[in-house]
């Protein structure tokens, strides 16, 4: 894009989409971008610029005290709604989405003169959050289910709904007399050893993710059975978070019997992964454990390819 074209786009976006700036400011300190510059010799397709979002947590890994639940829920909802609104902008106008991401969310397409002009900014997020069910004030809560379950639909903020109406008003693809559009907000969990502030193993974390996926499916099943209105009303946009297969990064983890059994359970229950990164180092146990875990260890590459 030439300098003149960029300036014209920037001026248009600043005029039409300035109401998104406060939402970008919510997202900006939590979004990180990643571009895989390594390409195969004959691979001509340019990779997307990946967006990673660190969701609010009740307590950081090094924090001694937790936030109160009201503060956590307010922060979590604000970031989640900012993500949804930016993807709604992507649905309506990619150039506006790209400009907002670069100018107000801190996403870079490269240094001047070396920009990745052909590298699109992804329309999905890789999220880092605290996985696993936990008891808070006597109730069981699950942050991954909070992200992708029905909470976003059932408990939106008034500011979010008003902003979504403004975005829909700029969508020339919405036609009179036709139903509105449901925009999928795709998120992928980045699962690592630090995906839980609890003192638990990576095997427990992986199994917690599988439980969360079932909880999300159960929430939407119940919601759809009770909901009287399935179609999006005319002239409106509606956002729904969709959980994609997770990215499991196990490189700091030794493979042992517990981890191998967790993988066997996940694959047997059709839990999908977009990517599994691991260091193939084996942690030796006692003789009885090794009789069980060595065959599983040898079969792991086969399991991941099925």
C-alpha atoms as a PDB file:
ATOM      1  CA  UNK A   1       0.000   0.000   0.000  1.00  0.00           C
ATOM      2  CA  UNK A   2       1.402   3.389  -0.964  1.00  0.00           C
ATOM      3  CA  UNK A   3       1.828   6.170   1.578  1.00  0.00           C
ATOM      4  CA  UNK A   4      -1.012   8.094  -0.046  1.00  0.00           C
ATOM      5  CA  UNK A   5      -3.359   5.103   0.091  1.00  0.00           C
ATOM      6  CA  UNK A   6      -2.455   4.405   3.717  1.00  0.00           C
ATOM      7  CA  UNK A   7      -3.097   8.004   4.713  1.00  0.00           C
ATOM      8  CA  UNK A   8      -6.482   7.928   2.977  1.00  0.00           C
ATOM      9  CA  UNK A   9      -7.453   4.712   4.767  1.00  0.00           C
ATOM     10  CA  UNK A  10      -6.212   6.078   8.092  1.00  0.00           C
ATOM     11  CA  UNK A  11      -8.238   9.269   7.701  1.00  0.00           C
ATOM     12  CA  UNK A  12     -11.396   7.312   6.853  1.00  0.00           C
ATOM     13  CA  UNK A  13     -10.966   4.909   9.754  1.00  0.00           C
ATOM     14  CA  UNK A  14     -10.262   7.709  12.228  1.00  0.00           C
ATOM     15  CA  UNK A  15     -13.478   9.406  11.142  1.00  0.00           C
ATOM     16  CA  UNK A  16     -15.755   6.346  11.013  1.00  0.00           C
ATOM     17  CA  UNK A  17     -14.363   4.082  13.710  1.00  0.00           C
ATOM     18  CA  UNK A  18     -13.031   6.384  16.432  1.00  0.00           C
ATOM     19  CA  UNK A  19     -15.631   4.997  18.883  1.00  0.00           C
ATOM     20  CA  UNK A  20     -13.574   1.756  19.006  1.00  0.00           C
ATOM     21  CA  UNK A  21     -10.489   3.458  20.458  1.00  0.00           C
ATOM     22  CA  UNK A  22     -11.475   2.970  24.152  1.00  0.00           C
ATOM     23  CA  UNK A  23     -11.950  -0.752  23.489  1.00  0.00           C
ATOM     24  CA  UNK A  24      -8.570  -0.953  21.771  1.00  0.00           C
ATOM     25  CA  UNK A  25      -7.008   0.647  24.833  1.00  0.00           C
ATOM     26  CA  UNK A  26      -8.479  -2.128  26.986  1.00  0.00           C
ATOM     27  CA  UNK A  27      -6.928  -4.757  24.724  1.00  0.00           C
ATOM     28  CA  UNK A  28      -3.599  -3.036  24.019  1.00  0.00           C
ATOM     29  CA  UNK A  29      -1.649  -4.038  27.173  1.00  0.00           C
ATOM     30  CA  UNK A  30      -2.816  -7.645  26.851  1.00  0.00           C
ATOM     31  CA  UNK A  31      -2.317  -8.400  23.166  1.00  0.00           C
ATOM     32  CA  UNK A  32       0.988  -9.632  21.753  1.00  0.00           C
ATOM     33  CA  UNK A  33       1.654 -10.388  18.128  1.00  0.00           C
ATOM     34  CA  UNK A  34       3.783 -13.112  16.618  1.00  0.00           C
ATOM     35  CA  UNK A  35       4.863 -13.710  13.040  1.00  0.00           C
ATOM     36  CA  UNK A  36       6.544 -16.925  11.931  1.00  0.00           C
ATOM     37  CA  UNK A  37       9.081 -15.718   9.386  1.00  0.00           C
ATOM     38  CA  UNK A  38      10.419 -19.204   8.675  1.00  0.00           C
ATOM     39  CA  UNK A  39       9.026 -20.494   5.392  1.00  0.00           C
ATOM     40  CA  UNK A  40       9.669 -23.502   3.250  1.00  0.00           C
ATOM     41  CA  UNK A  41      11.588 -23.026   0.008  1.00  0.00           C
ATOM     42  CA  UNK A  42       8.523 -23.571  -2.166  1.00  0.00           C
ATOM     43  CA  UNK A  43       5.898 -22.196   0.226  1.00  0.00           C
ATOM     44  CA  UNK A  44       4.500 -19.064  -1.352  1.00  0.00           C
ATOM     45  CA  UNK A  45       1.651 -18.344   1.067  1.00  0.00           C
ATOM     46  CA  UNK A  46       2.387 -15.617   3.611  1.00  0.00           C
ATOM     47  CA  UNK A  47       1.549 -16.507   7.211  1.00  0.00           C
ATOM     48  CA  UNK A  48      -0.851 -14.470   9.306  1.00  0.00           C
ATOM     49  CA  UNK A  49       0.332 -12.274  12.143  1.00  0.00           C
ATOM     50  CA  UNK A  50      -0.827 -14.250  15.171  1.00  0.00           C
ATOM     51  CA  UNK A  51      -2.536 -12.429  18.033  1.00  0.00           C
ATOM     52  CA  UNK A  52      -1.961 -13.687  21.569  1.00  0.00           C
ATOM     53  CA  UNK A  53      -4.085 -12.305  24.399  1.00  0.00           C
ATOM     54  CA  UNK A  54      -3.291 -12.672  28.089  1.00  0.00           C
ATOM     55  CA  UNK A  55      -6.644 -12.761  29.870  1.00  0.00           C
ATOM     56  CA  UNK A  56      -7.067 -11.329  33.384  1.00  0.00           C
ATOM     57  CA  UNK A  57      -6.478 -13.756  36.237  1.00  0.00           C
ATOM     58  CA  UNK A  58      -7.599 -13.704  39.820  1.00  0.00           C
ATOM     59  CA  UNK A  59      -3.977 -14.065  40.816  1.00  0.00           C
ATOM     60  CA  UNK A  60      -0.754 -13.918  38.852  1.00  0.00           C
ATOM     61  CA  UNK A  61       1.797 -16.701  39.095  1.00  0.00           C
ATOM     62  CA  UNK A  62       3.942 -14.638  41.482  1.00  0.00           C
ATOM     63  CA  UNK A  63       1.105 -12.853  43.339  1.00  0.00           C
ATOM     64  CA  UNK A  64       0.338 -13.743  46.931  1.00  0.00           C
ATOM     65  CA  UNK A  65      -3.226 -12.419  47.018  1.00  0.00           C
ATOM     66  CA  UNK A  66      -6.178 -12.832  44.677  1.00  0.00           C
ATOM     67  CA  UNK A  67      -8.308 -10.005  43.275  1.00  0.00           C
ATOM     68  CA  UNK A  68     -11.808  -9.786  44.622  1.00  0.00           C
ATOM     69  CA  UNK A  69     -14.252 -11.624  42.362  1.00  0.00           C
ATOM     70  CA  UNK A  70     -16.159  -8.509  41.261  1.00  0.00           C
ATOM     71  CA  UNK A  71     -12.966  -6.814  40.035  1.00  0.00           C
ATOM     72  CA  UNK A  72     -11.807  -9.939  38.227  1.00  0.00           C
ATOM     73  CA  UNK A  73     -15.175 -10.477  36.494  1.00  0.00           C
ATOM     74  CA  UNK A  74     -15.334  -6.834  35.399  1.00  0.00           C
ATOM     75  CA  UNK A  75     -11.815  -6.937  33.929  1.00  0.00           C
ATOM     76  CA  UNK A  76     -12.352 -10.313  32.271  1.00  0.00           C
ATOM     77  CA  UNK A  77     -15.607  -9.195  30.642  1.00  0.00           C
ATOM     78  CA  UNK A  78     -14.056  -5.958  29.379  1.00  0.00           C
ATOM     79  CA  UNK A  79     -11.187  -7.772  27.631  1.00  0.00           C
ATOM     80  CA  UNK A  80     -13.515 -10.443  26.248  1.00  0.00           C
ATOM     81  CA  UNK A  81     -15.899  -7.813  24.877  1.00  0.00           C
ATOM     82  CA  UNK A  82     -13.032  -5.834  23.338  1.00  0.00           C
ATOM     83  CA  UNK A  83     -11.932  -8.983  21.511  1.00  0.00           C
ATOM     84  CA  UNK A  84     -15.459  -9.590  20.202  1.00  0.00           C
ATOM     85  CA  UNK A  85     -15.893  -6.010  19.005  1.00  0.00           C
ATOM     86  CA  UNK A  86     -12.589  -5.992  17.110  1.00  0.00           C
ATOM     87  CA  UNK A  87     -13.559  -9.205  15.315  1.00  0.00           C
ATOM     88  CA  UNK A  88     -16.923  -7.648  14.472  1.00  0.00           C
ATOM     89  CA  UNK A  89     -14.974  -4.781  12.889  1.00  0.00           C
ATOM     90  CA  UNK A  90     -12.927  -7.364  10.955  1.00  0.00           C
ATOM     91  CA  UNK A  91     -16.198  -8.819   9.636  1.00  0.00           C
ATOM     92  CA  UNK A  92     -17.314  -5.394   8.411  1.00  0.00           C
ATOM     93  CA  UNK A  93     -14.079  -3.741   7.260  1.00  0.00           C
ATOM     94  CA  UNK A  94     -10.679  -5.461   7.334  1.00  0.00           C
ATOM     95  CA  UNK A  95      -8.764  -2.248   6.630  1.00  0.00           C
ATOM     96  CA  UNK A  96     -10.408  -0.605   9.639  1.00  0.00           C
ATOM     97  CA  UNK A  97      -9.581  -3.655  11.757  1.00  0.00           C
ATOM     98  CA  UNK A  98      -5.966  -3.618  10.595  1.00  0.00           C
ATOM     99  CA  UNK A  99      -5.579   0.113  11.267  1.00  0.00           C
ATOM    100  CA  UNK A 100      -7.097  -0.121  14.748  1.00  0.00           C
ATOM    101  CA  UNK A 101      -4.901  -3.089  15.614  1.00  0.00           C
ATOM    102  CA  UNK A 102      -1.738  -1.326  14.472  1.00  0.00           C
ATOM    103  CA  UNK A 103      -2.441   2.182  15.734  1.00  0.00           C
ATOM    104  CA  UNK A 104      -4.198   1.476  19.027  1.00  0.00           C
ATOM    105  CA  UNK A 105      -3.467  -2.142  19.999  1.00  0.00           C
ATOM    106  CA  UNK A 106       0.266  -2.039  19.303  1.00  0.00           C
ATOM    107  CA  UNK A 107       0.352  -4.720  16.599  1.00  0.00           C
ATOM    108  CA  UNK A 108       3.328  -4.157  14.301  1.00  0.00           C
ATOM    109  CA  UNK A 109       3.705  -5.306  10.712  1.00  0.00           C
ATOM    110  CA  UNK A 110       7.434  -4.591  10.694  1.00  0.00           C
ATOM    111  CA  UNK A 111       9.887  -1.719  10.700  1.00  0.00           C
ATOM    112  CA  UNK A 112       9.580   1.077   8.168  1.00  0.00           C
ATOM    113  CA  UNK A 113      10.764  -0.147   4.790  1.00  0.00           C
ATOM    114  CA  UNK A 114      10.483  -3.767   5.858  1.00  0.00           C
ATOM    115  CA  UNK A 115       6.747  -4.027   6.505  1.00  0.00           C
ATOM    116  CA  UNK A 116       4.940  -7.322   6.039  1.00  0.00           C
ATOM    117  CA  UNK A 117       2.479  -5.776   3.611  1.00  0.00           C
ATOM    118  CA  UNK A 118       1.165  -9.156   2.497  1.00  0.00           C
ATOM    119  CA  UNK A 119       0.863 -10.621   5.996  1.00  0.00           C
ATOM    120  CA  UNK A 120      -2.727 -10.264   7.184  1.00  0.00           C
ATOM    121  CA  UNK A 121      -3.486  -9.773  10.858  1.00  0.00           C
ATOM    122  CA  UNK A 122      -5.237 -12.889  12.122  1.00  0.00           C
ATOM    123  CA  UNK A 123      -8.963 -12.830  12.819  1.00  0.00           C
ATOM    124  CA  UNK A 124      -8.626 -15.257  15.722  1.00  0.00           C
ATOM    125  CA  UNK A 125      -6.933 -15.025  19.097  1.00  0.00           C
ATOM    126  CA  UNK A 126      -4.585 -17.350  20.937  1.00  0.00           C
ATOM    127  CA  UNK A 127      -5.510 -16.922  24.597  1.00  0.00           C
ATOM    128  CA  UNK A 128      -3.528 -17.452  27.755  1.00  0.00           C
ATOM    129  CA  UNK A 129      -5.764 -17.881  30.794  1.00  0.00           C
ATOM    130  CA  UNK A 130      -6.062 -19.763  34.073  1.00  0.00           C
ATOM    131  CA  UNK A 131      -7.546 -23.157  33.217  1.00  0.00           C
ATOM    132  CA  UNK A 132      -9.411 -25.560  35.455  1.00  0.00           C
ATOM    133  CA  UNK A 133     -12.534 -25.356  37.575  1.00  0.00           C
ATOM    134  CA  UNK A 134     -12.170 -23.574  40.898  1.00  0.00           C
ATOM    135  CA  UNK A 135     -14.439 -22.715  43.798  1.00  0.00           C
ATOM    136  CA  UNK A 136     -15.049 -19.013  44.382  1.00  0.00           C
ATOM    137  CA  UNK A 137     -17.457 -17.812  47.068  1.00  0.00           C
ATOM    138  CA  UNK A 138     -19.014 -21.257  47.257  1.00  0.00           C
ATOM    139  CA  UNK A 139     -19.630 -21.563  43.505  1.00  0.00           C
ATOM    140  CA  UNK A 140     -17.629 -23.501  40.929  1.00  0.00           C
ATOM    141  CA  UNK A 141     -16.286 -21.360  38.085  1.00  0.00           C
ATOM    142  CA  UNK A 142     -14.227 -22.107  34.975  1.00  0.00           C
ATOM    143  CA  UNK A 143     -12.453 -19.288  33.118  1.00  0.00           C
ATOM    144  CA  UNK A 144     -12.218 -21.108  29.789  1.00  0.00           C
ATOM    145  CA  UNK A 145     -15.962 -21.794  29.938  1.00  0.00           C
ATOM    146  CA  UNK A 146     -16.438 -18.146  30.926  1.00  0.00           C
ATOM    147  CA  UNK A 147     -14.554 -17.167  27.757  1.00  0.00           C
ATOM    148  CA  UNK A 148     -16.326 -19.424  25.262  1.00  0.00           C
ATOM    149  CA  UNK A 149     -19.547 -20.434  27.011  1.00  0.00           C
ATOM    150  CA  UNK A 150     -22.846 -18.590  27.318  1.00  0.00           C
ATOM    151  CA  UNK A 151     -21.730 -15.935  29.831  1.00  0.00           C
ATOM    152  CA  UNK A 152     -20.842 -13.530  27.005  1.00  0.00           C
ATOM    153  CA  UNK A 153     -24.343 -13.877  25.537  1.00  0.00           C
ATOM    154  CA  UNK A 154     -26.212 -13.777  28.846  1.00  0.00           C
ATOM    155  CA  UNK A 155     -24.355 -10.988  30.640  1.00  0.00           C
ATOM    156  CA  UNK A 156     -23.125  -8.335  28.171  1.00  0.00           C
ATOM    157  CA  UNK A 157     -22.415  -4.784  29.271  1.00  0.00           C
ATOM    158  CA  UNK A 158     -24.564  -1.926  27.985  1.00  0.00           C
ATOM    159  CA  UNK A 159     -21.449  -0.274  26.538  1.00  0.00           C
ATOM    160  CA  UNK A 160     -20.684  -3.414  24.545  1.00  0.00           C
ATOM    161  CA  UNK A 161     -24.203  -3.659  23.120  1.00  0.00           C
ATOM    162  CA  UNK A 162     -24.232   0.015  22.124  1.00  0.00           C
ATOM    163  CA  UNK A 163     -20.845  -0.315  20.412  1.00  0.00           C
ATOM    164  CA  UNK A 164     -21.986  -3.430  18.552  1.00  0.00           C
ATOM    165  CA  UNK A 165     -24.990  -1.479  17.222  1.00  0.00           C
ATOM    166  CA  UNK A 166     -22.649   1.213  15.893  1.00  0.00           C
ATOM    167  CA  UNK A 167     -20.545  -1.433  14.133  1.00  0.00           C
ATOM    168  CA  UNK A 168     -23.660  -3.001  12.589  1.00  0.00           C
ATOM    169  CA  UNK A 169     -24.718   0.419  11.284  1.00  0.00           C
ATOM    170  CA  UNK A 170     -21.505   0.505   9.226  1.00  0.00           C
ATOM    171  CA  UNK A 171     -22.023  -2.983   7.775  1.00  0.00           C
ATOM    172  CA  UNK A 172     -23.302  -2.624   4.224  1.00  0.00           C
ATOM    173  CA  UNK A 173     -23.646  -6.415   3.959  1.00  0.00           C
ATOM    174  CA  UNK A 174     -26.677  -6.346   6.277  1.00  0.00           C
ATOM    175  CA  UNK A 175     -29.780  -6.207   4.080  1.00  0.00           C
ATOM    176  CA  UNK A 176     -33.305  -5.013   4.951  1.00  0.00           C
ATOM    177  CA  UNK A 177     -35.722  -7.895   5.391  1.00  0.00           C
ATOM    178  CA  UNK A 178     -32.933 -10.395   6.064  1.00  0.00           C
ATOM    179  CA  UNK A 179     -31.674 -11.846   9.322  1.00  0.00           C
ATOM    180  CA  UNK A 180     -28.620 -10.318  10.914  1.00  0.00           C
ATOM    181  CA  UNK A 181     -25.262 -12.053  11.147  1.00  0.00           C
ATOM    182  CA  UNK A 182     -23.638 -14.046  13.929  1.00  0.00           C
ATOM    183  CA  UNK A 183     -19.892 -13.395  13.917  1.00  0.00           C
ATOM    184  CA  UNK A 184     -17.687 -16.205  15.206  1.00  0.00           C
ATOM    185  CA  UNK A 185     -14.892 -15.015  17.486  1.00  0.00           C
ATOM    186  CA  UNK A 186     -12.402 -17.863  17.191  1.00  0.00           C
ATOM    187  CA  UNK A 187     -10.083 -18.443  20.133  1.00  0.00           C
ATOM    188  CA  UNK A 188      -7.402 -21.045  20.614  1.00  0.00           C
ATOM    189  CA  UNK A 189      -6.041 -21.903  24.054  1.00  0.00           C
ATOM    190  CA  UNK A 190      -2.276 -21.854  24.431  1.00  0.00           C
ATOM    191  CA  UNK A 191      -1.781 -24.548  27.053  1.00  0.00           C
ATOM    192  CA  UNK A 192       1.538 -24.542  28.919  1.00  0.00           C
ATOM    193  CA  UNK A 193       2.908 -25.579  32.299  1.00  0.00           C
ATOM    194  CA  UNK A 194       1.940 -22.118  33.548  1.00  0.00           C
ATOM    195  CA  UNK A 195      -1.689 -22.270  32.408  1.00  0.00           C
ATOM    196  CA  UNK A 196      -2.759 -22.655  36.025  1.00  0.00           C
ATOM    197  CA  UNK A 197      -1.665 -20.771  39.119  1.00  0.00           C
ATOM    198  CA  UNK A 198      -2.449 -23.879  41.144  1.00  0.00           C
ATOM    199  CA  UNK A 199       0.335 -26.282  42.005  1.00  0.00           C
ATOM    200  CA  UNK A 200      -0.604 -29.025  39.573  1.00  0.00           C
ATOM    201  CA  UNK A 201       0.972 -31.032  36.785  1.00  0.00           C
ATOM    202  CA  UNK A 202       0.677 -30.441  33.045  1.00  0.00           C
ATOM    203  CA  UNK A 203      -1.322 -33.673  32.872  1.00  0.00           C
ATOM    204  CA  UNK A 204      -3.919 -32.201  35.241  1.00  0.00           C
ATOM    205  CA  UNK A 205      -4.027 -29.007  33.195  1.00  0.00           C
ATOM    206  CA  UNK A 206      -4.631 -30.915  29.948  1.00  0.00           C
ATOM    207  CA  UNK A 207      -7.432 -32.928  31.545  1.00  0.00           C
ATOM    208  CA  UNK A 208      -8.957 -29.717  32.934  1.00  0.00           C
ATOM    209  CA  UNK A 209      -9.084 -28.301  29.400  1.00  0.00           C
ATOM    210  CA  UNK A 210     -10.967 -31.389  28.226  1.00  0.00           C
ATOM    211  CA  UNK A 211     -13.490 -30.902  31.046  1.00  0.00           C
ATOM    212  CA  UNK A 212     -13.875 -27.238  30.090  1.00  0.00           C
ATOM    213  CA  UNK A 213     -14.630 -28.184  26.480  1.00  0.00           C
ATOM    214  CA  UNK A 214     -17.433 -30.456  27.699  1.00  0.00           C
ATOM    215  CA  UNK A 215     -18.761 -27.707  29.975  1.00  0.00           C
ATOM    216  CA  UNK A 216     -18.824 -25.227  27.073  1.00  0.00           C
ATOM    217  CA  UNK A 217     -20.708 -27.689  24.859  1.00  0.00           C
ATOM    218  CA  UNK A 218     -23.192 -28.400  27.665  1.00  0.00           C
ATOM    219  CA  UNK A 219     -23.825 -24.690  28.256  1.00  0.00           C
ATOM    220  CA  UNK A 220     -24.610 -24.013  24.604  1.00  0.00           C
ATOM    221  CA  UNK A 221     -26.761 -27.130  24.311  1.00  0.00           C
ATOM    222  CA  UNK A 222     -28.894 -26.006  27.255  1.00  0.00           C
ATOM    223  CA  UNK A 223     -29.003 -22.425  25.970  1.00  0.00           C
ATOM    224  CA  UNK A 224     -30.131 -23.435  22.475  1.00  0.00           C
ATOM    225  CA  UNK A 225     -32.810 -25.745  23.862  1.00  0.00           C
ATOM    226  CA  UNK A 226     -34.264 -22.940  25.998  1.00  0.00           C
ATOM    227  CA  UNK A 227     -33.760 -20.040  23.605  1.00  0.00           C
ATOM    228  CA  UNK A 228     -36.827 -18.934  21.653  1.00  0.00           C
ATOM    229  CA  UNK A 229     -34.843 -16.743  19.255  1.00  0.00           C
ATOM    230  CA  UNK A 230     -32.196 -18.511  17.173  1.00  0.00           C
ATOM    231  CA  UNK A 231     -31.857 -16.106  14.236  1.00  0.00           C
ATOM    232  CA  UNK A 232     -30.074 -12.791  14.661  1.00  0.00           C
ATOM    233  CA  UNK A 233     -32.615  -9.942  14.371  1.00  0.00           C
ATOM    234  CA  UNK A 234     -32.649  -7.916  11.158  1.00  0.00           C
ATOM    235  CA  UNK A 235     -29.920  -5.293  10.925  1.00  0.00           C
ATOM    236  CA  UNK A 236     -27.948  -6.614  13.886  1.00  0.00           C
ATOM    237  CA  UNK A 237     -24.635  -8.323  14.533  1.00  0.00           C
ATOM    238  CA  UNK A 238     -24.117 -10.876  17.273  1.00  0.00           C
ATOM    239  CA  UNK A 239     -20.808 -12.347  18.429  1.00  0.00           C
ATOM    240  CA  UNK A 240     -20.175 -15.869  19.641  1.00  0.00           C
ATOM    241  CA  UNK A 241     -16.864 -17.143  20.957  1.00  0.00           C
ATOM    242  CA  UNK A 242     -15.826 -20.427  19.352  1.00  0.00           C
ATOM    243  CA  UNK A 243     -13.110 -22.581  20.921  1.00  0.00           C
ATOM    244  CA  UNK A 244     -10.657 -23.992  18.377  1.00  0.00           C
ATOM    245  CA  UNK A 245      -8.316 -26.967  18.980  1.00  0.00           C
ATOM    246  CA  UNK A 246      -5.710 -26.006  21.567  1.00  0.00           C
ATOM    247  CA  UNK A 247      -2.001 -25.401  21.118  1.00  0.00           C
ATOM    248  CA  UNK A 248      -0.155 -27.458  23.744  1.00  0.00           C
ATOM    249  CA  UNK A 249       3.408 -26.319  24.404  1.00  0.00           C
ATOM    250  CA  UNK A 250       5.081 -28.958  26.583  1.00  0.00           C
ATOM    251  CA  UNK A 251       8.710 -28.085  25.985  1.00  0.00           C
ATOM    252  CA  UNK A 252       9.628 -27.471  29.645  1.00  0.00           C
ATOM    253  CA  UNK A 253       7.926 -30.723  30.659  1.00  0.00           C
ATOM    254  CA  UNK A 254       9.379 -34.213  30.906  1.00  0.00           C
ATOM    255  CA  UNK A 255       7.128 -36.960  29.619  1.00  0.00           C
ATOM    256  CA  UNK A 256       6.205 -39.417  32.347  1.00  0.00           C
ATOM    257  CA  UNK A 257       3.491 -41.961  33.011  1.00  0.00           C
ATOM    258  CA  UNK A 258       0.960 -39.352  34.158  1.00  0.00           C
ATOM    259  CA  UNK A 259       1.416 -37.206  31.047  1.00  0.00           C
ATOM    260  CA  UNK A 260       1.258 -40.203  28.716  1.00  0.00           C
ATOM    261  CA  UNK A 261      -1.951 -41.456  30.322  1.00  0.00           C
ATOM    262  CA  UNK A 262      -3.449 -37.969  30.045  1.00  0.00           C
ATOM    263  CA  UNK A 263      -2.718 -37.902  26.311  1.00  0.00           C
ATOM    264  CA  UNK A 264      -4.206 -41.363  25.856  1.00  0.00           C
ATOM    265  CA  UNK A 265      -7.375 -40.230  27.628  1.00  0.00           C
ATOM    266  CA  UNK A 266      -7.628 -37.047  25.553  1.00  0.00           C
ATOM    267  CA  UNK A 267      -7.148 -38.784  22.213  1.00  0.00           C
ATOM    268  CA  UNK A 268      -9.591 -41.537  23.201  1.00  0.00           C
ATOM    269  CA  UNK A 269     -12.188 -38.842  23.917  1.00  0.00           C
ATOM    270  CA  UNK A 270     -11.580 -37.049  20.591  1.00  0.00           C
ATOM    271  CA  UNK A 271      -9.987 -33.947  22.104  1.00  0.00           C
ATOM    272  CA  UNK A 272      -8.241 -32.161  19.228  1.00  0.00           C
ATOM    273  CA  UNK A 273      -5.016 -30.169  19.165  1.00  0.00           C
ATOM    274  CA  UNK A 274      -3.949 -27.633  16.568  1.00  0.00           C
ATOM    275  CA  UNK A 275      -0.324 -28.167  17.568  1.00  0.00           C
ATOM    276  CA  UNK A 276       1.670 -30.115  20.147  1.00  0.00           C
ATOM    277  CA  UNK A 277       5.183 -28.895  20.863  1.00  0.00           C
ATOM    278  CA  UNK A 278       7.280 -31.060  23.155  1.00  0.00           C
ATOM    279  CA  UNK A 279      10.804 -32.001  24.096  1.00  0.00           C
ATOM    280  CA  UNK A 280      10.973 -35.772  23.725  1.00  0.00           C
ATOM    281  CA  UNK A 281      12.733 -36.281  27.051  1.00  0.00           C
ATOM    282  CA  UNK A 282      11.563 -39.179  29.168  1.00  0.00           C
ATOM    283  CA  UNK A 283      11.456 -39.009  32.963  1.00  0.00           C
ATOM    284  CA  UNK A 284      12.291 -42.441  34.324  1.00  0.00           C
ATOM    285  CA  UNK A 285      10.128 -43.841  37.109  1.00  0.00           C
ATOM    286  CA  UNK A 286      10.119 -47.134  38.924  1.00  0.00           C
ATOM    287  CA  UNK A 287      10.196 -50.435  37.049  1.00  0.00           C
ATOM    288  CA  UNK A 288       6.426 -50.932  37.194  1.00  0.00           C
ATOM    289  CA  UNK A 289       5.727 -47.468  35.775  1.00  0.00           C
ATOM    290  CA  UNK A 290       8.181 -48.010  32.947  1.00  0.00           C
ATOM    291  CA  UNK A 291       6.449 -51.213  31.852  1.00  0.00           C
ATOM    292  CA  UNK A 292       3.315 -49.137  31.265  1.00  0.00           C
ATOM    293  CA  UNK A 293       4.715 -45.815  30.112  1.00  0.00           C
ATOM    294  CA  UNK A 294       7.418 -46.884  27.662  1.00  0.00           C
ATOM    295  CA  UNK A 295       4.956 -48.423  25.157  1.00  0.00           C
ATOM    296  CA  UNK A 296       2.770 -45.324  25.464  1.00  0.00           C
ATOM    297  CA  UNK A 297       5.803 -43.075  24.967  1.00  0.00           C
ATOM    298  CA  UNK A 298       6.773 -44.974  21.823  1.00  0.00           C
ATOM    299  CA  UNK A 299       3.217 -44.730  20.524  1.00  0.00           C
ATOM    300  CA  UNK A 300       2.764 -40.990  21.114  1.00  0.00           C
ATOM    301  CA  UNK A 301       3.823 -39.892  17.610  1.00  0.00           C
ATOM    302  CA  UNK A 302       1.321 -42.372  16.156  1.00  0.00           C
ATOM    303  CA  UNK A 303      -1.463 -41.093  18.439  1.00  0.00           C
ATOM    304  CA  UNK A 304      -0.877 -37.486  17.390  1.00  0.00           C
ATOM    305  CA  UNK A 305      -1.133 -38.355  13.707  1.00  0.00           C
ATOM    306  CA  UNK A 306      -4.413 -40.259  13.917  1.00  0.00           C
END
